[in-house]
Amino acid sequence: MALFGKREVVFETAGDRERWKRARGLLQTAGIEIMESGSREGEMPLCSCGAKIDRRNYGPGGWIDRRVYYIAVRPEDVKAAAQALREV
C-alpha cells in the first residue's frame, strides 16, 4: 500500500468481505499495485454514547456486516484493474 500519489477507487462493496478479499487477490496476481485497500463504516451506529456498538448487529441471525470495503489503484492502472476485476 503506497502512502502518496493519486488514487482512484476501482472496487467497492457493502457487507461482502470475502468478495473484497478475492478482488485484492486478483489484483495482486495481475501485478497491479494497490494504492489503498480498506473498509469504513457504512452506517452510523444507533447509540449516541460514542461506544460504536450497534445493537442491530446482535440478534437471532448473528452479526450483520455493515462495513463498506474498497480498493483504490493508480489512475494509470484503472483499465488494467477493471479487466482483472471482471471475474469478481
N, C-alpha and C. Protein backbone atom coordinates (compact mmCIF):
# COMPACT_ATOMS: atom_id res chain seq x y z
N MET A 1 0.84 -1.16 0.00
CA MET A 1 0.00 0.00 0.00
C MET A 1 0.90 1.24 0.00
N ALA A 2 0.69 2.12 -0.93
CA ALA A 2 1.50 3.33 -1.07
C ALA A 2 0.91 4.47 -0.24
N LEU A 3 1.77 5.34 0.24
CA LEU A 3 1.29 6.45 1.06
C LEU A 3 0.92 7.68 0.25
N PHE A 4 1.68 7.99 -0.79
CA PHE A 4 1.47 9.21 -1.53
C PHE A 4 1.14 8.91 -2.99
N GLY A 5 0.43 9.79 -3.62
CA GLY A 5 0.08 9.64 -5.02
C GLY A 5 -1.41 9.65 -5.22
N LYS A 6 -1.80 9.91 -6.46
CA LYS A 6 -3.22 9.92 -6.79
C LYS A 6 -3.74 8.50 -6.81
N ARG A 7 -5.01 8.36 -6.50
CA ARG A 7 -5.63 7.04 -6.47
C ARG A 7 -7.09 7.15 -6.88
N GLU A 8 -7.57 6.09 -7.50
CA GLU A 8 -8.97 6.01 -7.90
C GLU A 8 -9.56 4.70 -7.40
N VAL A 9 -10.76 4.79 -6.88
CA VAL A 9 -11.44 3.60 -6.36
C VAL A 9 -11.94 2.78 -7.54
N VAL A 10 -11.52 1.52 -7.61
CA VAL A 10 -11.95 0.64 -8.70
C VAL A 10 -12.88 -0.46 -8.21
N PHE A 11 -12.97 -0.62 -6.90
CA PHE A 11 -13.82 -1.68 -6.35
C PHE A 11 -14.41 -1.18 -5.04
N GLU A 12 -15.72 -1.38 -4.88
CA GLU A 12 -16.39 -1.01 -3.64
C GLU A 12 -17.59 -1.93 -3.45
N THR A 13 -17.72 -2.48 -2.26
CA THR A 13 -18.83 -3.36 -1.96
C THR A 13 -19.25 -3.16 -0.51
N ALA A 14 -20.51 -3.37 -0.24
CA ALA A 14 -21.03 -3.20 1.12
C ALA A 14 -21.34 -4.56 1.71
N GLY A 15 -20.71 -4.87 2.83
CA GLY A 15 -21.03 -6.08 3.58
C GLY A 15 -20.56 -7.39 2.98
N ASP A 16 -19.60 -7.36 2.09
CA ASP A 16 -19.13 -8.60 1.46
C ASP A 16 -17.60 -8.67 1.55
N ARG A 17 -17.11 -9.02 2.72
CA ARG A 17 -15.67 -9.06 2.96
C ARG A 17 -14.97 -10.11 2.10
N GLU A 18 -15.59 -11.24 1.88
CA GLU A 18 -14.97 -12.31 1.08
C GLU A 18 -14.77 -11.88 -0.37
N ARG A 19 -15.73 -11.18 -0.93
CA ARG A 19 -15.60 -10.67 -2.31
C ARG A 19 -14.46 -9.66 -2.40
N TRP A 20 -14.32 -8.82 -1.37
CA TRP A 20 -13.24 -7.83 -1.31
C TRP A 20 -11.89 -8.53 -1.27
N LYS A 21 -11.78 -9.61 -0.50
CA LYS A 21 -10.53 -10.37 -0.44
C LYS A 21 -10.21 -11.01 -1.78
N ARG A 22 -11.22 -11.54 -2.47
CA ARG A 22 -11.00 -12.12 -3.80
C ARG A 22 -10.51 -11.05 -4.77
N ALA A 23 -11.10 -9.86 -4.72
CA ALA A 23 -10.70 -8.77 -5.61
C ALA A 23 -9.25 -8.36 -5.34
N ARG A 24 -8.87 -8.27 -4.10
CA ARG A 24 -7.48 -7.94 -3.76
C ARG A 24 -6.53 -8.99 -4.30
N GLY A 25 -6.90 -10.27 -4.15
CA GLY A 25 -6.06 -11.34 -4.67
C GLY A 25 -5.92 -11.29 -6.18
N LEU A 26 -7.00 -10.99 -6.88
CA LEU A 26 -6.94 -10.89 -8.35
C LEU A 26 -6.02 -9.76 -8.79
N LEU A 27 -6.10 -8.63 -8.11
CA LEU A 27 -5.23 -7.51 -8.47
C LEU A 27 -3.76 -7.83 -8.18
N GLN A 28 -3.51 -8.52 -7.10
CA GLN A 28 -2.13 -8.87 -6.77
C GLN A 28 -1.56 -9.88 -7.76
N THR A 29 -2.36 -10.86 -8.19
CA THR A 29 -1.85 -11.83 -9.16
C THR A 29 -1.67 -11.20 -10.53
N ALA A 30 -2.43 -10.14 -10.83
CA ALA A 30 -2.28 -9.43 -12.11
C ALA A 30 -1.09 -8.47 -12.07
N GLY A 31 -0.49 -8.28 -10.91
CA GLY A 31 0.68 -7.41 -10.80
C GLY A 31 0.33 -5.94 -10.70
N ILE A 32 -0.88 -5.62 -10.32
CA ILE A 32 -1.32 -4.23 -10.20
C ILE A 32 -1.09 -3.78 -8.76
N GLU A 33 -0.40 -2.65 -8.60
CA GLU A 33 -0.12 -2.14 -7.26
C GLU A 33 -1.37 -1.52 -6.65
N ILE A 34 -1.73 -1.98 -5.46
CA ILE A 34 -2.88 -1.45 -4.76
C ILE A 34 -2.41 -0.25 -3.94
N MET A 35 -2.97 0.93 -4.22
CA MET A 35 -2.59 2.14 -3.51
C MET A 35 -3.23 2.20 -2.13
N GLU A 36 -4.49 1.76 -2.05
CA GLU A 36 -5.21 1.80 -0.78
C GLU A 36 -6.27 0.71 -0.79
N SER A 37 -6.39 0.03 0.32
CA SER A 37 -7.39 -1.02 0.46
C SER A 37 -7.84 -1.02 1.91
N GLY A 38 -9.15 -0.94 2.12
CA GLY A 38 -9.62 -0.90 3.49
C GLY A 38 -11.13 -0.93 3.58
N SER A 39 -11.62 -0.54 4.75
CA SER A 39 -13.05 -0.52 4.97
C SER A 39 -13.41 0.67 5.84
N ARG A 40 -14.67 1.05 5.78
CA ARG A 40 -15.18 2.15 6.60
C ARG A 40 -16.60 1.80 7.03
N GLU A 41 -17.10 2.53 7.99
CA GLU A 41 -18.46 2.30 8.44
C GLU A 41 -19.44 2.69 7.35
N GLY A 42 -20.39 1.82 7.07
CA GLY A 42 -21.41 2.12 6.07
C GLY A 42 -22.57 2.91 6.63
N GLU A 43 -22.88 2.69 7.90
CA GLU A 43 -23.97 3.39 8.57
C GLU A 43 -23.49 3.83 9.94
N MET A 44 -24.07 4.86 10.45
CA MET A 44 -23.75 5.31 11.80
C MET A 44 -24.42 4.38 12.81
N PRO A 45 -23.76 4.10 13.93
CA PRO A 45 -24.39 3.28 14.96
C PRO A 45 -25.61 3.97 15.56
N LEU A 46 -26.53 3.19 16.09
CA LEU A 46 -27.75 3.75 16.66
C LEU A 46 -27.53 4.47 17.98
N CYS A 47 -26.63 3.98 18.80
CA CYS A 47 -26.45 4.61 20.10
C CYS A 47 -25.73 5.94 19.94
N SER A 48 -26.04 6.88 20.80
CA SER A 48 -25.42 8.20 20.71
C SER A 48 -24.34 8.40 21.76
N CYS A 49 -23.97 7.34 22.46
CA CYS A 49 -23.00 7.47 23.55
C CYS A 49 -21.56 7.43 23.05
N GLY A 50 -21.34 7.14 21.78
CA GLY A 50 -19.99 7.10 21.24
C GLY A 50 -19.31 5.76 21.43
N ALA A 51 -20.03 4.75 21.85
CA ALA A 51 -19.43 3.44 22.11
C ALA A 51 -19.20 2.64 20.84
N LYS A 52 -19.80 3.03 19.74
CA LYS A 52 -19.66 2.35 18.45
C LYS A 52 -20.16 0.90 18.50
N ILE A 53 -21.09 0.62 19.38
CA ILE A 53 -21.70 -0.70 19.45
C ILE A 53 -23.11 -0.57 18.89
N ASP A 54 -23.36 -1.26 17.82
CA ASP A 54 -24.66 -1.17 17.15
C ASP A 54 -25.52 -2.35 17.60
N ARG A 55 -26.59 -2.06 18.31
CA ARG A 55 -27.43 -3.13 18.84
C ARG A 55 -28.19 -3.88 17.75
N ARG A 56 -28.24 -3.34 16.54
CA ARG A 56 -28.90 -4.04 15.43
C ARG A 56 -28.11 -5.26 14.99
N ASN A 57 -26.83 -5.31 15.32
CA ASN A 57 -25.97 -6.40 14.87
C ASN A 57 -26.12 -7.67 15.68
N TYR A 58 -26.78 -7.62 16.80
CA TYR A 58 -26.89 -8.78 17.68
C TYR A 58 -28.34 -9.26 17.72
N GLY A 59 -28.56 -10.45 17.24
CA GLY A 59 -29.90 -10.99 17.23
C GLY A 59 -29.89 -12.43 16.81
N PRO A 60 -31.04 -12.96 16.42
CA PRO A 60 -31.10 -14.38 16.07
C PRO A 60 -30.28 -14.73 14.84
N GLY A 61 -30.08 -13.77 13.92
CA GLY A 61 -29.31 -14.04 12.71
C GLY A 61 -27.81 -13.85 12.89
N GLY A 62 -27.38 -13.36 14.04
CA GLY A 62 -25.96 -13.13 14.26
C GLY A 62 -25.52 -11.75 13.82
N TRP A 63 -24.22 -11.57 13.70
CA TRP A 63 -23.65 -10.28 13.37
C TRP A 63 -23.91 -9.91 11.91
N ILE A 64 -24.26 -8.66 11.66
CA ILE A 64 -24.52 -8.15 10.31
C ILE A 64 -23.34 -7.26 9.91
N ASP A 65 -22.76 -7.53 8.77
CA ASP A 65 -21.62 -6.75 8.27
C ASP A 65 -22.15 -5.50 7.58
N ARG A 66 -21.97 -4.35 8.18
CA ARG A 66 -22.44 -3.07 7.62
C ARG A 66 -21.28 -2.23 7.08
N ARG A 67 -20.10 -2.79 7.00
CA ARG A 67 -18.94 -2.03 6.53
C ARG A 67 -18.92 -1.96 5.00
N VAL A 68 -18.29 -0.90 4.49
CA VAL A 68 -18.08 -0.73 3.06
C VAL A 68 -16.61 -0.98 2.78
N TYR A 69 -16.32 -1.96 1.93
CA TYR A 69 -14.95 -2.33 1.59
C TYR A 69 -14.58 -1.74 0.23
N TYR A 70 -13.34 -1.25 0.10
CA TYR A 70 -12.94 -0.58 -1.14
C TYR A 70 -11.49 -0.89 -1.47
N ILE A 71 -11.16 -0.70 -2.76
CA ILE A 71 -9.79 -0.84 -3.26
C ILE A 71 -9.53 0.31 -4.21
N ALA A 72 -8.40 0.98 -4.05
CA ALA A 72 -8.01 2.08 -4.93
C ALA A 72 -6.65 1.78 -5.55
N VAL A 73 -6.50 2.15 -6.83
CA VAL A 73 -5.24 1.95 -7.56
C VAL A 73 -4.82 3.27 -8.19
N ARG A 74 -3.65 3.28 -8.80
CA ARG A 74 -3.18 4.47 -9.52
C ARG A 74 -4.07 4.74 -10.73
N PRO A 75 -4.19 6.01 -11.14
CA PRO A 75 -5.03 6.33 -12.30
C PRO A 75 -4.61 5.61 -13.59
N GLU A 76 -3.32 5.37 -13.77
CA GLU A 76 -2.87 4.70 -14.99
C GLU A 76 -3.16 3.19 -14.97
N ASP A 77 -3.50 2.65 -13.81
CA ASP A 77 -3.80 1.22 -13.69
C ASP A 77 -5.30 0.91 -13.67
N VAL A 78 -6.14 1.91 -13.87
CA VAL A 78 -7.59 1.71 -13.75
C VAL A 78 -8.11 0.72 -14.80
N LYS A 79 -7.67 0.86 -16.04
CA LYS A 79 -8.16 -0.04 -17.10
C LYS A 79 -7.71 -1.47 -16.87
N ALA A 80 -6.47 -1.65 -16.48
CA ALA A 80 -5.97 -3.00 -16.21
C ALA A 80 -6.68 -3.60 -15.00
N ALA A 81 -6.97 -2.78 -13.99
CA ALA A 81 -7.68 -3.27 -12.81
C ALA A 81 -9.11 -3.67 -13.17
N ALA A 82 -9.75 -2.90 -14.03
CA ALA A 82 -11.11 -3.24 -14.46
C ALA A 82 -11.13 -4.58 -15.20
N GLN A 83 -10.11 -4.82 -16.01
CA GLN A 83 -10.00 -6.10 -16.71
C GLN A 83 -9.81 -7.24 -15.72
N ALA A 84 -8.97 -7.04 -14.73
CA ALA A 84 -8.69 -8.09 -13.75
C ALA A 84 -9.89 -8.37 -12.85
N LEU A 85 -10.71 -7.34 -12.60
CA LEU A 85 -11.84 -7.49 -11.68
C LEU A 85 -13.12 -7.94 -12.35
N ARG A 86 -13.08 -8.24 -13.62
CA ARG A 86 -14.30 -8.72 -14.29
C ARG A 86 -14.79 -10.04 -13.71
N GLU A 87 -13.89 -10.83 -13.12
CA GLU A 87 -14.25 -12.14 -12.59
C GLU A 87 -14.88 -12.08 -11.21
N VAL A 88 -14.80 -10.94 -10.55
CA VAL A 88 -15.32 -10.86 -9.17
C VAL A 88 -16.81 -10.71 -9.18
